[in-house]
Amino acid sequence: MLELPVTMTAVGFDGHGGPEVLRPETLPVPRPGPGQVLVKVAYAGVNRPDVIQRQGSYPPPPGASPIPGLEIAGQVVALGEGVTIPLLGQNVCALVSGGGYAQYCLAEAGHCLPVPESLPLDQAAALPETLFTVWHNVFERGWACEGETILVHGGTSGIGSMAIMLGKLFGLTVIVTCGGAEKCQAALAIGATHAIDYKASDFVEEVKAITGGQGVNLVLDMVAGDYVARNLQCLAPDGRHVTIAVQGGAKAQINMAQVMTRRLTLTGSTLRAQSVTFKALLAGEILETVWPLVGEGKLRPIMDQAFPLDQAAAAHARMEAGHHIGKIVLKMP
């Protein structure tokens, strides 16, 4: 264990509300428990679940830090009991259950990925949450295969941009929806095959035209609500619909006869509440399958803006305004 300070700066909130409730506070530096490491954080990713937690609709799972922040990058400065991986002093990025908006953060050793020398730490911090989410939901839960077509909503978001890049790397045709012509152009620049401006046209009709009436094999849905029934209209027979967020509402009304006759599969997941073992297995698969592409420079996150930690409220306001393209990160003091 390297010499550690007693206290650290973190960003939390006393009550739920708008971005203005976020404020810096001084807290004790945590100590790693069995199987954990302590990371001196250089950057932390800002994600939609952080916003929803601040608003009061996404509480941390039992035992997780109440401090927001689900992904970090920095140097490992202490090891907990039973950690045999030689991580001390190494730069890692990690998926965490909370606590990322702080100078020091606990992470499970099995959820850490080594940061290649060619990967800047701000970019490393922008990878875990979207990479773990997209890999699990598109390729594991959604069974995406080379040569298939996927429809992704929110094409310029962190999740959307990651889905575009992973899809392209693994042989998928990626159709995205975006809000406005400028964002459609950005999505095409990232690598989307087609981009639909949902504000200017009906994405269901556009998907039919693009696919010659065949439909897509998979929909990655972050909207839910009344989008679900429309998404199902976009699916080809034996298509899969994967929901990872409910920004448009948690309830949907669908035609189950359509599900049966066209043999559709509806599924979804949340990652934060999954077990330590599950996330370690997922990290291992990503390390073997995707991480070599990161090392070769073939996969890099799309970066929007970095904010100092004490400007976390401004970072949340930017995310809620919807003007960002790619990932927002916080830089530690």
C-alpha atoms as a PDB file:
ATOM      1  CA  MET A   1       0.000   0.000   0.000  1.00  0.00           C
ATOM      2  CA  LEU A   2       1.327   3.419  -0.965  1.00  0.00           C
ATOM      3  CA  GLU A   3       1.098   6.267   1.556  1.00  0.00           C
ATOM      4  CA  LEU A   4      -2.448   7.598   1.465  1.00  0.00           C
ATOM      5  CA  PRO A   5      -4.083  10.807   2.674  1.00  0.00           C
ATOM      6  CA  VAL A   6      -6.767  10.627   5.336  1.00  0.00           C
ATOM      7  CA  THR A   7      -9.397  12.611   3.446  1.00  0.00           C
ATOM      8  CA  MET A   8     -10.381  13.293  -0.161  1.00  0.00           C
ATOM      9  CA  THR A   9     -12.649  15.522  -2.206  1.00  0.00           C
ATOM     10  CA  ALA A  10     -15.779  13.930  -3.619  1.00  0.00           C
ATOM     11  CA  VAL A  11     -19.004  15.214  -5.190  1.00  0.00           C
ATOM     12  CA  GLY A  12     -22.322  14.156  -3.702  1.00  0.00           C
ATOM     13  CA  PHE A  13     -25.735  15.553  -2.830  1.00  0.00           C
ATOM     14  CA  ASP A  14     -27.903  15.835   0.281  1.00  0.00           C
ATOM     15  CA  GLY A  15     -31.250  15.766  -1.512  1.00  0.00           C
ATOM     16  CA  HIS A  16     -32.543  14.839  -4.924  1.00  0.00           C
ATOM     17  CA  GLY A  17     -33.125  17.471  -7.570  1.00  0.00           C
ATOM     18  CA  GLY A  18     -31.514  19.277 -10.479  1.00  0.00           C
ATOM     19  CA  PRO A  19     -27.793  19.535 -11.232  1.00  0.00           C
ATOM     20  CA  GLU A  20     -27.471  22.311  -8.659  1.00  0.00           C
ATOM     21  CA  VAL A  21     -27.790  19.819  -5.763  1.00  0.00           C
ATOM     22  CA  LEU A  22     -24.334  18.407  -6.590  1.00  0.00           C
ATOM     23  CA  ARG A  23     -21.596  19.857  -4.405  1.00  0.00           C
ATOM     24  CA  PRO A  24     -18.030  19.011  -3.331  1.00  0.00           C
ATOM     25  CA  GLU A  25     -17.514  17.485   0.101  1.00  0.00           C
ATOM     26  CA  THR A  26     -14.629  16.159   2.146  1.00  0.00           C
ATOM     27  CA  LEU A  27     -14.820  12.456   2.995  1.00  0.00           C
ATOM     28  CA  PRO A  28     -12.480   9.817   4.429  1.00  0.00           C
ATOM     29  CA  VAL A  29     -10.388   7.952   1.866  1.00  0.00           C
ATOM     30  CA  PRO A  30     -11.897   4.442   1.714  1.00  0.00           C
ATOM     31  CA  ARG A  31      -9.837   1.321   2.386  1.00  0.00           C
ATOM     32  CA  PRO A  32     -10.154  -1.716   0.132  1.00  0.00           C
ATOM     33  CA  GLY A  33     -11.889  -4.826   1.440  1.00  0.00           C
ATOM     34  CA  PRO A  34     -11.285  -8.409   0.336  1.00  0.00           C
ATOM     35  CA  GLY A  35     -10.951  -8.666  -3.424  1.00  0.00           C
ATOM     36  CA  GLN A  36     -10.940  -4.894  -3.887  1.00  0.00           C
ATOM     37  CA  VAL A  37      -8.386  -2.301  -4.958  1.00  0.00           C
ATOM     38  CA  LEU A  38      -8.197   1.411  -4.227  1.00  0.00           C
ATOM     39  CA  VAL A  39      -7.730   3.612  -7.281  1.00  0.00           C
ATOM     40  CA  LYS A  40      -6.376   7.148  -7.190  1.00  0.00           C
ATOM     41  CA  VAL A  41      -8.791   8.515  -9.766  1.00  0.00           C
ATOM     42  CA  ALA A  42      -7.561  10.678 -12.632  1.00  0.00           C
ATOM     43  CA  TYR A  43     -10.872  10.849 -14.513  1.00  0.00           C
ATOM     44  CA  ALA A  44     -14.415   9.605 -13.944  1.00  0.00           C
ATOM     45  CA  GLY A  45     -17.063   9.090 -16.597  1.00  0.00           C
ATOM     46  CA  VAL A  46     -20.427  10.867 -16.425  1.00  0.00           C
ATOM     47  CA  ASN A  47     -23.368   8.711 -17.476  1.00  0.00           C
ATOM     48  CA  ARG A  48     -27.151   8.903 -17.691  1.00  0.00           C
ATOM     49  CA  PRO A  49     -27.589   6.623 -14.621  1.00  0.00           C
ATOM     50  CA  ASP A  50     -25.691   9.241 -12.564  1.00  0.00           C
ATOM     51  CA  VAL A  51     -28.280  11.817 -13.585  1.00  0.00           C
ATOM     52  CA  ILE A  52     -31.161   9.498 -12.746  1.00  0.00           C
ATOM     53  CA  GLN A  53     -29.595   8.693  -9.363  1.00  0.00           C
ATOM     54  CA  ARG A  54     -29.312  12.406  -8.592  1.00  0.00           C
ATOM     55  CA  GLN A  55     -32.962  12.831  -9.539  1.00  0.00           C
ATOM     56  CA  GLY A  56     -33.962  10.086  -7.090  1.00  0.00           C
ATOM     57  CA  SER A  57     -35.024   7.310  -9.472  1.00  0.00           C
ATOM     58  CA  TYR A  58     -31.947   5.064  -9.464  1.00  0.00           C
ATOM     59  CA  PRO A  59     -30.682   4.366  -5.941  1.00  0.00           C
ATOM     60  CA  PRO A  60     -27.338   2.587  -5.541  1.00  0.00           C
ATOM     61  CA  PRO A  61     -27.537  -1.152  -4.814  1.00  0.00           C
ATOM     62  CA  PRO A  62     -26.996  -2.342  -1.222  1.00  0.00           C
ATOM     63  CA  GLY A  63     -23.406  -1.867  -0.126  1.00  0.00           C
ATOM     64  CA  ALA A  64     -22.478   0.500  -2.960  1.00  0.00           C
ATOM     65  CA  SER A  65     -21.150   4.007  -2.381  1.00  0.00           C
ATOM     66  CA  PRO A  66     -23.847   6.723  -2.451  1.00  0.00           C
ATOM     67  CA  ILE A  67     -21.389   8.929  -4.379  1.00  0.00           C
ATOM     68  CA  PRO A  68     -22.281   8.968  -8.105  1.00  0.00           C
ATOM     69  CA  GLY A  69     -19.934   7.623 -10.739  1.00  0.00           C
ATOM     70  CA  LEU A  70     -19.884   4.206 -12.434  1.00  0.00           C
ATOM     71  CA  GLU A  71     -16.541   4.260 -14.264  1.00  0.00           C
ATOM     72  CA  ILE A  72     -13.065   5.516 -13.461  1.00  0.00           C
ATOM     73  CA  ALA A  73      -9.469   5.513 -14.621  1.00  0.00           C
ATOM     74  CA  GLY A  74      -6.357   6.035 -12.533  1.00  0.00           C
ATOM     75  CA  GLN A  75      -3.575   4.359 -10.579  1.00  0.00           C
ATOM     76  CA  VAL A  76      -4.049   1.469  -8.154  1.00  0.00           C
ATOM     77  CA  VAL A  77      -2.592   2.583  -4.810  1.00  0.00           C
ATOM     78  CA  ALA A  78      -3.746  -0.157  -2.402  1.00  0.00           C
ATOM     79  CA  LEU A  79      -4.814  -3.801  -2.551  1.00  0.00           C
ATOM     80  CA  GLY A  80      -7.363  -5.549  -0.385  1.00  0.00           C
ATOM     81  CA  GLU A  81      -6.949  -8.966   1.146  1.00  0.00           C
ATOM     82  CA  GLY A  82      -6.796 -11.814  -1.354  1.00  0.00           C
ATOM     83  CA  VAL A  83      -5.943  -9.728  -4.419  1.00  0.00           C
ATOM     84  CA  THR A  84      -3.287 -11.692  -6.267  1.00  0.00           C
ATOM     85  CA  ILE A  85      -3.319  -9.787  -9.566  1.00  0.00           C
ATOM     86  CA  PRO A  86      -0.173  -7.579  -9.673  1.00  0.00           C
ATOM     87  CA  LEU A  87      -2.090  -4.290  -9.916  1.00  0.00           C
ATOM     88  CA  LEU A  88      -0.313  -2.069  -7.369  1.00  0.00           C
ATOM     89  CA  GLY A  89       1.043   1.029  -9.114  1.00  0.00           C
ATOM     90  CA  GLN A  90      -0.652   0.127 -12.404  1.00  0.00           C
ATOM     91  CA  ASN A  91      -2.986   2.362 -14.395  1.00  0.00           C
ATOM     92  CA  VAL A  92      -6.408   0.753 -14.788  1.00  0.00           C
ATOM     93  CA  CYS A  93      -9.924   1.636 -15.788  1.00  0.00           C
ATOM     94  CA  ALA A  94     -12.791  -0.011 -13.963  1.00  0.00           C
ATOM     95  CA  LEU A  95     -16.518  -0.437 -13.832  1.00  0.00           C
ATOM     96  CA  VAL A  96     -17.683   0.454 -10.305  1.00  0.00           C
ATOM     97  CA  SER A  97     -21.049   0.367  -8.535  1.00  0.00           C
ATOM     98  CA  GLY A  98     -20.642   3.939  -7.305  1.00  0.00           C
ATOM     99  CA  GLY A  99     -18.074   6.321  -5.864  1.00  0.00           C
ATOM    100  CA  GLY A 100     -16.463   7.487  -9.102  1.00  0.00           C
ATOM    101  CA  TYR A 101     -16.922  11.213  -8.478  1.00  0.00           C
ATOM    102  CA  ALA A 102     -14.033  11.270  -5.995  1.00  0.00           C
ATOM    103  CA  GLN A 103     -10.258  11.459  -5.794  1.00  0.00           C
ATOM    104  CA  TYR A 104     -10.116   7.852  -4.570  1.00  0.00           C
ATOM    105  CA  CYS A 105     -12.518   5.037  -5.437  1.00  0.00           C
ATOM    106  CA  LEU A 106     -12.861   1.365  -4.562  1.00  0.00           C
ATOM    107  CA  ALA A 107     -13.114  -1.166  -7.386  1.00  0.00           C
ATOM    108  CA  GLU A 108     -13.320  -4.931  -7.507  1.00  0.00           C
ATOM    109  CA  ALA A 109      -9.988  -6.268  -8.750  1.00  0.00           C
ATOM    110  CA  GLY A 110     -11.798  -8.460 -11.261  1.00  0.00           C
ATOM    111  CA  HIS A 111     -13.596  -5.452 -12.756  1.00  0.00           C
ATOM    112  CA  CYS A 112     -10.374  -3.611 -13.655  1.00  0.00           C
ATOM    113  CA  LEU A 113      -8.861  -3.477 -17.128  1.00  0.00           C
ATOM    114  CA  PRO A 114      -5.232  -2.467 -17.769  1.00  0.00           C
ATOM    115  CA  VAL A 115      -4.793   0.864 -19.517  1.00  0.00           C
ATOM    116  CA  PRO A 116      -2.507   0.553 -22.566  1.00  0.00           C
ATOM    117  CA  GLU A 117       0.257   3.140 -22.776  1.00  0.00           C
ATOM    118  CA  SER A 118      -1.310   4.498 -25.969  1.00  0.00           C
ATOM    119  CA  LEU A 119      -4.667   5.184 -24.279  1.00  0.00           C
ATOM    120  CA  PRO A 120      -5.013   8.545 -22.461  1.00  0.00           C
ATOM    121  CA  LEU A 121      -6.615   8.272 -19.034  1.00  0.00           C
ATOM    122  CA  ASP A 122      -9.542  10.523 -19.919  1.00  0.00           C
ATOM    123  CA  GLN A 123     -10.436   8.130 -22.738  1.00  0.00           C
ATOM    124  CA  ALA A 124      -9.851   5.117 -20.498  1.00  0.00           C
ATOM    125  CA  ALA A 125     -12.378   6.499 -17.999  1.00  0.00           C
ATOM    126  CA  ALA A 126     -14.920   6.871 -20.802  1.00  0.00           C
ATOM    127  CA  LEU A 127     -14.849   3.193 -21.790  1.00  0.00           C
ATOM    128  CA  PRO A 128     -16.041   0.794 -19.052  1.00  0.00           C
ATOM    129  CA  GLU A 129     -19.713   1.682 -18.550  1.00  0.00           C
ATOM    130  CA  THR A 130     -20.623   1.876 -22.222  1.00  0.00           C
ATOM    131  CA  LEU A 131     -18.347  -0.978 -23.281  1.00  0.00           C
ATOM    132  CA  PHE A 132     -19.628  -3.397 -20.633  1.00  0.00           C
ATOM    133  CA  THR A 133     -23.238  -2.368 -21.337  1.00  0.00           C
ATOM    134  CA  VAL A 134     -23.090  -2.608 -25.120  1.00  0.00           C
ATOM    135  CA  TRP A 135     -21.057  -5.808 -25.204  1.00  0.00           C
ATOM    136  CA  HIS A 136     -23.402  -7.605 -22.824  1.00  0.00           C
ATOM    137  CA  ASN A 137     -26.665  -6.374 -24.318  1.00  0.00           C
ATOM    138  CA  VAL A 138     -25.828  -6.438 -28.023  1.00  0.00           C
ATOM    139  CA  PHE A 139     -23.549  -9.455 -28.288  1.00  0.00           C
ATOM    140  CA  GLU A 140     -24.408 -11.628 -25.272  1.00  0.00           C
ATOM    141  CA  ARG A 141     -28.054 -10.901 -24.581  1.00  0.00           C
ATOM    142  CA  GLY A 142     -28.939  -9.770 -28.124  1.00  0.00           C
ATOM    143  CA  TRP A 143     -26.948 -12.503 -29.914  1.00  0.00           C
ATOM    144  CA  ALA A 144     -25.685 -10.124 -32.594  1.00  0.00           C
ATOM    145  CA  CYS A 145     -23.815 -11.924 -35.350  1.00  0.00           C
ATOM    146  CA  GLU A 146     -21.621 -10.755 -38.201  1.00  0.00           C
ATOM    147  CA  GLY A 147     -23.689  -9.679 -41.176  1.00  0.00           C
ATOM    148  CA  GLU A 148     -26.763  -8.678 -39.175  1.00  0.00           C
ATOM    149  CA  THR A 149     -28.394  -5.252 -38.966  1.00  0.00           C
ATOM    150  CA  ILE A 150     -29.031  -3.376 -35.708  1.00  0.00           C
ATOM    151  CA  LEU A 151     -31.123  -0.295 -34.939  1.00  0.00           C
ATOM    152  CA  VAL A 152     -29.718   1.879 -32.147  1.00  0.00           C
ATOM    153  CA  HIS A 153     -31.585   4.837 -30.651  1.00  0.00           C
ATOM    154  CA  GLY A 154     -29.564   7.830 -29.458  1.00  0.00           C
ATOM    155  CA  GLY A 155     -26.742   7.360 -31.921  1.00  0.00           C
ATOM    156  CA  THR A 156     -24.494  10.140 -30.616  1.00  0.00           C
ATOM    157  CA  SER A 157     -24.822   9.297 -26.913  1.00  0.00           C
ATOM    158  CA  GLY A 158     -22.071   7.425 -25.111  1.00  0.00           C
ATOM    159  CA  ILE A 159     -23.954   4.151 -25.492  1.00  0.00           C
ATOM    160  CA  GLY A 160     -24.955   4.926 -29.063  1.00  0.00           C
ATOM    161  CA  SER A 161     -21.454   5.850 -30.209  1.00  0.00           C
ATOM    162  CA  MET A 162     -20.033   2.714 -28.564  1.00  0.00           C
ATOM    163  CA  ALA A 163     -22.692   0.568 -30.255  1.00  0.00           C
ATOM    164  CA  ILE A 164     -21.764   2.098 -33.616  1.00  0.00           C
ATOM    165  CA  MET A 165     -18.055   1.423 -33.156  1.00  0.00           C
ATOM    166  CA  LEU A 166     -18.399  -2.100 -31.767  1.00  0.00           C
ATOM    167  CA  GLY A 167     -20.969  -2.954 -34.408  1.00  0.00           C
ATOM    168  CA  LYS A 168     -18.664  -1.791 -37.183  1.00  0.00           C
ATOM    169  CA  LEU A 169     -15.686  -3.688 -35.723  1.00  0.00           C
ATOM    170  CA  PHE A 170     -17.696  -6.915 -35.475  1.00  0.00           C
ATOM    171  CA  GLY A 171     -19.356  -6.810 -38.871  1.00  0.00           C
ATOM    172  CA  LEU A 172     -22.799  -5.325 -38.167  1.00  0.00           C
ATOM    173  CA  THR A 173     -24.748  -2.860 -40.273  1.00  0.00           C
ATOM    174  CA  VAL A 174     -25.677  -0.103 -37.818  1.00  0.00           C
ATOM    175  CA  ILE A 175     -28.736   2.127 -38.280  1.00  0.00           C
ATOM    176  CA  VAL A 176     -29.136   4.878 -35.687  1.00  0.00           C
ATOM    177  CA  THR A 177     -31.693   7.515 -34.800  1.00  0.00           C
ATOM    178  CA  CYS A 178     -30.607  11.010 -33.792  1.00  0.00           C
ATOM    179  CA  GLY A 179     -32.319  14.294 -32.966  1.00  0.00           C
ATOM    180  CA  GLY A 180     -31.347  16.620 -35.793  1.00  0.00           C
ATOM    181  CA  ALA A 181     -29.312  16.723 -38.991  1.00  0.00           C
ATOM    182  CA  GLU A 182     -26.117  17.765 -37.209  1.00  0.00           C
ATOM    183  CA  LYS A 183     -26.211  14.749 -34.917  1.00  0.00           C
ATOM    184  CA  CYS A 184     -26.998  12.471 -37.855  1.00  0.00           C
ATOM    185  CA  GLN A 185     -23.866  13.714 -39.587  1.00  0.00           C
ATOM    186  CA  ALA A 186     -21.858  13.118 -36.416  1.00  0.00           C
ATOM    187  CA  ALA A 187     -23.196   9.560 -36.161  1.00  0.00           C
ATOM    188  CA  LEU A 188     -22.225   8.851 -39.765  1.00  0.00           C
ATOM    189  CA  ALA A 189     -18.748  10.218 -39.064  1.00  0.00           C
ATOM    190  CA  ILE A 190     -18.453   7.860 -36.082  1.00  0.00           C
ATOM    191  CA  GLY A 191     -19.235   4.937 -38.378  1.00  0.00           C
ATOM    192  CA  ALA A 192     -22.994   4.403 -38.570  1.00  0.00           C
ATOM    193  CA  THR A 193     -24.166   2.985 -41.890  1.00  0.00           C
ATOM    194  CA  HIS A 194     -27.399   5.010 -41.812  1.00  0.00           C
ATOM    195  CA  ALA A 195     -28.637   7.819 -39.543  1.00  0.00           C
ATOM    196  CA  ILE A 196     -32.313   8.766 -39.241  1.00  0.00           C
ATOM    197  CA  ASP A 197     -33.427  12.168 -37.953  1.00  0.00           C
ATOM    198  CA  TYR A 198     -36.367  11.124 -35.795  1.00  0.00           C
ATOM    199  CA  LYS A 199     -37.504  14.746 -35.558  1.00  0.00           C
ATOM    200  CA  ALA A 200     -37.927  14.996 -39.327  1.00  0.00           C
ATOM    201  CA  SER A 201     -39.201  11.542 -40.320  1.00  0.00           C
ATOM    202  CA  ASP A 202     -40.813   8.352 -39.014  1.00  0.00           C
ATOM    203  CA  PHE A 203     -37.992   5.990 -38.110  1.00  0.00           C
ATOM    204  CA  VAL A 204     -40.236   2.946 -38.674  1.00  0.00           C
ATOM    205  CA  GLU A 205     -40.821   3.902 -42.306  1.00  0.00           C
ATOM    206  CA  GLU A 206     -37.176   4.855 -42.765  1.00  0.00           C
ATOM    207  CA  VAL A 207     -36.001   1.467 -41.447  1.00  0.00           C
ATOM    208  CA  LYS A 208     -38.374  -0.298 -43.833  1.00  0.00           C
ATOM    209  CA  ALA A 209     -36.978   1.705 -46.745  1.00  0.00           C
ATOM    210  CA  ILE A 210     -33.341   1.166 -45.744  1.00  0.00           C
ATOM    211  CA  THR A 211     -33.784  -2.596 -45.292  1.00  0.00           C
ATOM    212  CA  GLY A 212     -36.001  -3.126 -48.324  1.00  0.00           C
ATOM    213  CA  GLY A 213     -38.876  -4.116 -46.066  1.00  0.00           C
ATOM    214  CA  GLN A 214     -36.873  -6.881 -44.383  1.00  0.00           C
ATOM    215  CA  GLY A 215     -36.401  -5.109 -41.026  1.00  0.00           C
ATOM    216  CA  VAL A 216     -33.498  -5.268 -38.623  1.00  0.00           C
ATOM    217  CA  ASN A 217     -32.283  -8.256 -36.625  1.00  0.00           C
ATOM    218  CA  LEU A 218     -31.816  -6.361 -33.376  1.00  0.00           C
ATOM    219  CA  VAL A 219     -32.980  -3.150 -31.685  1.00  0.00           C
ATOM    220  CA  LEU A 220     -30.968  -1.600 -28.838  1.00  0.00           C
ATOM    221  CA  ASP A 221     -33.578   0.506 -27.059  1.00  0.00           C
ATOM    222  CA  MET A 222     -32.926   3.227 -24.495  1.00  0.00           C
ATOM    223  CA  VAL A 223     -36.344   4.872 -24.789  1.00  0.00           C
ATOM    224  CA  ALA A 224     -38.996   2.190 -24.003  1.00  0.00           C
ATOM    225  CA  GLY A 225     -42.510   3.641 -23.554  1.00  0.00           C
ATOM    226  CA  ASP A 226     -44.369   4.017 -26.833  1.00  0.00           C
ATOM    227  CA  TYR A 227     -41.149   3.338 -28.773  1.00  0.00           C
ATOM    228  CA  VAL A 228     -41.406  -0.393 -28.006  1.00  0.00           C
ATOM    229  CA  ALA A 229     -44.375  -1.068 -30.284  1.00  0.00           C
ATOM    230  CA  ARG A 230     -42.699   0.966 -33.046  1.00  0.00           C
ATOM    231  CA  ASN A 231     -39.426  -0.870 -32.510  1.00  0.00           C
ATOM    232  CA  LEU A 232     -41.194  -4.201 -32.958  1.00  0.00           C
ATOM    233  CA  GLN A 233     -42.456  -3.003 -36.327  1.00  0.00           C
ATOM    234  CA  CYS A 234     -38.814  -2.509 -37.317  1.00  0.00           C
ATOM    235  CA  LEU A 235     -37.779  -6.075 -36.484  1.00  0.00           C
ATOM    236  CA  ALA A 236     -37.357  -8.869 -38.995  1.00  0.00           C
ATOM    237  CA  PRO A 237     -38.778 -12.320 -38.134  1.00  0.00           C
ATOM    238  CA  ASP A 238     -36.801 -13.851 -35.240  1.00  0.00           C
ATOM    239  CA  GLY A 239     -35.651 -10.344 -34.302  1.00  0.00           C
ATOM    240  CA  ARG A 240     -34.462  -9.384 -30.825  1.00  0.00           C
ATOM    241  CA  HIS A 241     -35.401  -6.292 -28.830  1.00  0.00           C
ATOM    242  CA  VAL A 242     -33.094  -5.321 -25.949  1.00  0.00           C
ATOM    243  CA  THR A 243     -34.074  -2.528 -23.550  1.00  0.00           C
ATOM    244  CA  ILE A 244     -31.394  -0.890 -21.400  1.00  0.00           C
ATOM    245  CA  ALA A 245     -33.170   2.304 -20.264  1.00  0.00           C
ATOM    246  CA  VAL A 246     -36.682   3.726 -19.987  1.00  0.00           C
ATOM    247  CA  GLN A 247     -36.193   7.394 -20.816  1.00  0.00           C
ATOM    248  CA  GLY A 248     -39.568   7.496 -22.570  1.00  0.00           C
ATOM    249  CA  GLY A 249     -41.488   5.686 -19.838  1.00  0.00           C
ATOM    250  CA  ALA A 250     -41.401   2.319 -18.100  1.00  0.00           C
ATOM    251  CA  LYS A 251     -44.673   0.989 -19.512  1.00  0.00           C
ATOM    252  CA  ALA A 252     -45.360  -0.188 -23.072  1.00  0.00           C
ATOM    253  CA  GLN A 253     -48.375  -1.628 -24.833  1.00  0.00           C
ATOM    254  CA  ILE A 254     -47.555  -4.229 -27.485  1.00  0.00           C
ATOM    255  CA  ASN A 255     -49.319  -6.762 -29.689  1.00  0.00           C
ATOM    256  CA  MET A 256     -48.339 -10.162 -28.308  1.00  0.00           C
ATOM    257  CA  ALA A 257     -49.770 -11.919 -31.359  1.00  0.00           C
ATOM    258  CA  GLN A 258     -47.109 -10.106 -33.372  1.00  0.00           C
ATOM    259  CA  VAL A 259     -44.464 -11.366 -30.954  1.00  0.00           C
ATOM    260  CA  MET A 260     -45.666 -14.950 -31.408  1.00  0.00           C
ATOM    261  CA  THR A 261     -46.225 -15.051 -35.145  1.00  0.00           C
ATOM    262  CA  ARG A 262     -42.904 -13.333 -35.944  1.00  0.00           C
ATOM    263  CA  ARG A 263     -41.013 -15.207 -33.189  1.00  0.00           C
ATOM    264  CA  LEU A 264     -39.651 -12.028 -31.586  1.00  0.00           C
ATOM    265  CA  THR A 265     -37.551 -11.973 -28.430  1.00  0.00           C
ATOM    266  CA  LEU A 266     -37.880  -9.154 -25.891  1.00  0.00           C
ATOM    267  CA  THR A 267     -35.253  -8.833 -23.186  1.00  0.00           C
ATOM    268  CA  GLY A 268     -33.318  -6.208 -21.269  1.00  0.00           C
ATOM    269  CA  SER A 269     -30.957  -5.673 -18.394  1.00  0.00           C
ATOM    270  CA  THR A 270     -29.401  -3.283 -15.943  1.00  0.00           C
ATOM    271  CA  LEU A 271     -25.726  -3.738 -15.200  1.00  0.00           C
ATOM    272  CA  ARG A 272     -25.184  -1.967 -11.886  1.00  0.00           C
ATOM    273  CA  ALA A 273     -27.060  -4.472  -9.710  1.00  0.00           C
ATOM    274  CA  GLN A 274     -25.468  -7.556 -11.284  1.00  0.00           C
ATOM    275  CA  SER A 275     -23.292  -9.689  -9.017  1.00  0.00           C
ATOM    276  CA  VAL A 276     -19.560  -9.172  -8.544  1.00  0.00           C
ATOM    277  CA  THR A 277     -18.971 -12.571 -10.153  1.00  0.00           C
ATOM    278  CA  PHE A 278     -21.107 -11.768 -13.201  1.00  0.00           C
ATOM    279  CA  LYS A 279     -19.300  -8.494 -13.842  1.00  0.00           C
ATOM    280  CA  ALA A 280     -15.908 -10.160 -13.364  1.00  0.00           C
ATOM    281  CA  LEU A 281     -16.811 -12.776 -15.983  1.00  0.00           C
ATOM    282  CA  LEU A 282     -17.993 -10.013 -18.305  1.00  0.00           C
ATOM    283  CA  ALA A 283     -14.736  -8.101 -17.748  1.00  0.00           C
ATOM    284  CA  GLY A 284     -12.785 -11.257 -18.566  1.00  0.00           C
ATOM    285  CA  GLU A 285     -14.639 -11.732 -21.837  1.00  0.00           C
ATOM    286  CA  ILE A 286     -14.097  -8.085 -22.785  1.00  0.00           C
ATOM    287  CA  LEU A 287     -10.408  -8.354 -21.879  1.00  0.00           C
ATOM    288  CA  GLU A 288     -10.026 -11.327 -24.213  1.00  0.00           C
ATOM    289  CA  THR A 289     -12.332 -10.281 -27.057  1.00  0.00           C
ATOM    290  CA  VAL A 290     -12.422  -6.479 -27.237  1.00  0.00           C
ATOM    291  CA  TRP A 291      -9.453  -5.147 -25.276  1.00  0.00           C
ATOM    292  CA  PRO A 292      -6.868  -6.146 -27.930  1.00  0.00           C
ATOM    293  CA  LEU A 293      -8.687  -3.734 -30.277  1.00  0.00           C
ATOM    294  CA  VAL A 294      -8.226  -0.996 -27.676  1.00  0.00           C
ATOM    295  CA  GLY A 295      -4.532  -1.810 -27.431  1.00  0.00           C
ATOM    296  CA  GLU A 296      -4.209  -1.601 -31.216  1.00  0.00           C
ATOM    297  CA  GLY A 297      -5.952   1.774 -31.284  1.00  0.00           C
ATOM    298  CA  LYS A 298      -8.920   0.434 -33.268  1.00  0.00           C
ATOM    299  CA  LEU A 299     -11.436   1.265 -30.519  1.00  0.00           C
ATOM    300  CA  ARG A 300     -11.483   4.674 -28.874  1.00  0.00           C
ATOM    301  CA  PRO A 301     -14.406   6.426 -27.172  1.00  0.00           C
ATOM    302  CA  ILE A 302     -15.934   9.505 -28.758  1.00  0.00           C
ATOM    303  CA  MET A 303     -15.125  12.317 -26.327  1.00  0.00           C
ATOM    304  CA  ASP A 304     -17.354  15.318 -25.741  1.00  0.00           C
ATOM    305  CA  GLN A 305     -16.007  17.436 -22.886  1.00  0.00           C
ATOM    306  CA  ALA A 306     -14.028  17.197 -19.644  1.00  0.00           C
ATOM    307  CA  PHE A 307     -15.143  19.180 -16.580  1.00  0.00           C
ATOM    308  CA  PRO A 308     -13.223  19.705 -13.331  1.00  0.00           C
ATOM    309  CA  LEU A 309     -14.670  17.661 -10.473  1.00  0.00           C
ATOM    310  CA  ASP A 310     -16.075  20.748  -8.752  1.00  0.00           C
ATOM    311  CA  GLN A 311     -18.057  21.495 -11.931  1.00  0.00           C
ATOM    312  CA  ALA A 312     -19.953  18.199 -11.875  1.00  0.00           C
ATOM    313  CA  ALA A 313     -23.212  20.173 -11.874  1.00  0.00           C
ATOM    314  CA  ALA A 314     -22.263  21.742 -15.213  1.00  0.00           C
ATOM    315  CA  ALA A 315     -21.420  18.295 -16.584  1.00  0.00           C
ATOM    316  CA  HIS A 316     -24.861  17.005 -15.584  1.00  0.00           C
ATOM    317  CA  ALA A 317     -26.545  20.058 -17.064  1.00  0.00           C
ATOM    318  CA  ARG A 318     -24.790  19.430 -20.378  1.00  0.00           C
ATOM    319  CA  MET A 319     -25.882  15.804 -20.409  1.00  0.00           C
ATOM    320  CA  GLU A 320     -29.489  16.702 -19.608  1.00  0.00           C
ATOM    321  CA  ALA A 321     -29.536  19.386 -22.326  1.00  0.00           C
ATOM    322  CA  GLY A 322     -28.735  16.658 -24.858  1.00  0.00           C
ATOM    323  CA  HIS A 323     -26.169  18.678 -26.783  1.00  0.00           C
ATOM    324  CA  HIS A 324     -23.252  16.339 -26.107  1.00  0.00           C
ATOM    325  CA  ILE A 325     -21.790  13.987 -28.687  1.00  0.00           C
ATOM    326  CA  GLY A 326     -19.958  11.102 -27.029  1.00  0.00           C
ATOM    327  CA  LYS A 327     -18.684  10.913 -23.481  1.00  0.00           C
ATOM    328  CA  ILE A 328     -18.471  13.537 -20.748  1.00  0.00           C
ATOM    329  CA  VAL A 329     -15.808  13.030 -18.057  1.00  0.00           C
ATOM    330  CA  LEU A 330     -14.755  14.657 -14.785  1.00  0.00           C
ATOM    331  CA  LYS A 331     -11.118  15.501 -14.137  1.00  0.00           C
ATOM    332  CA  MET A 332      -9.882  15.128 -10.572  1.00  0.00           C
ATOM    333  CA  PRO A 333      -8.026  17.982  -8.880  1.00  0.00           C
END
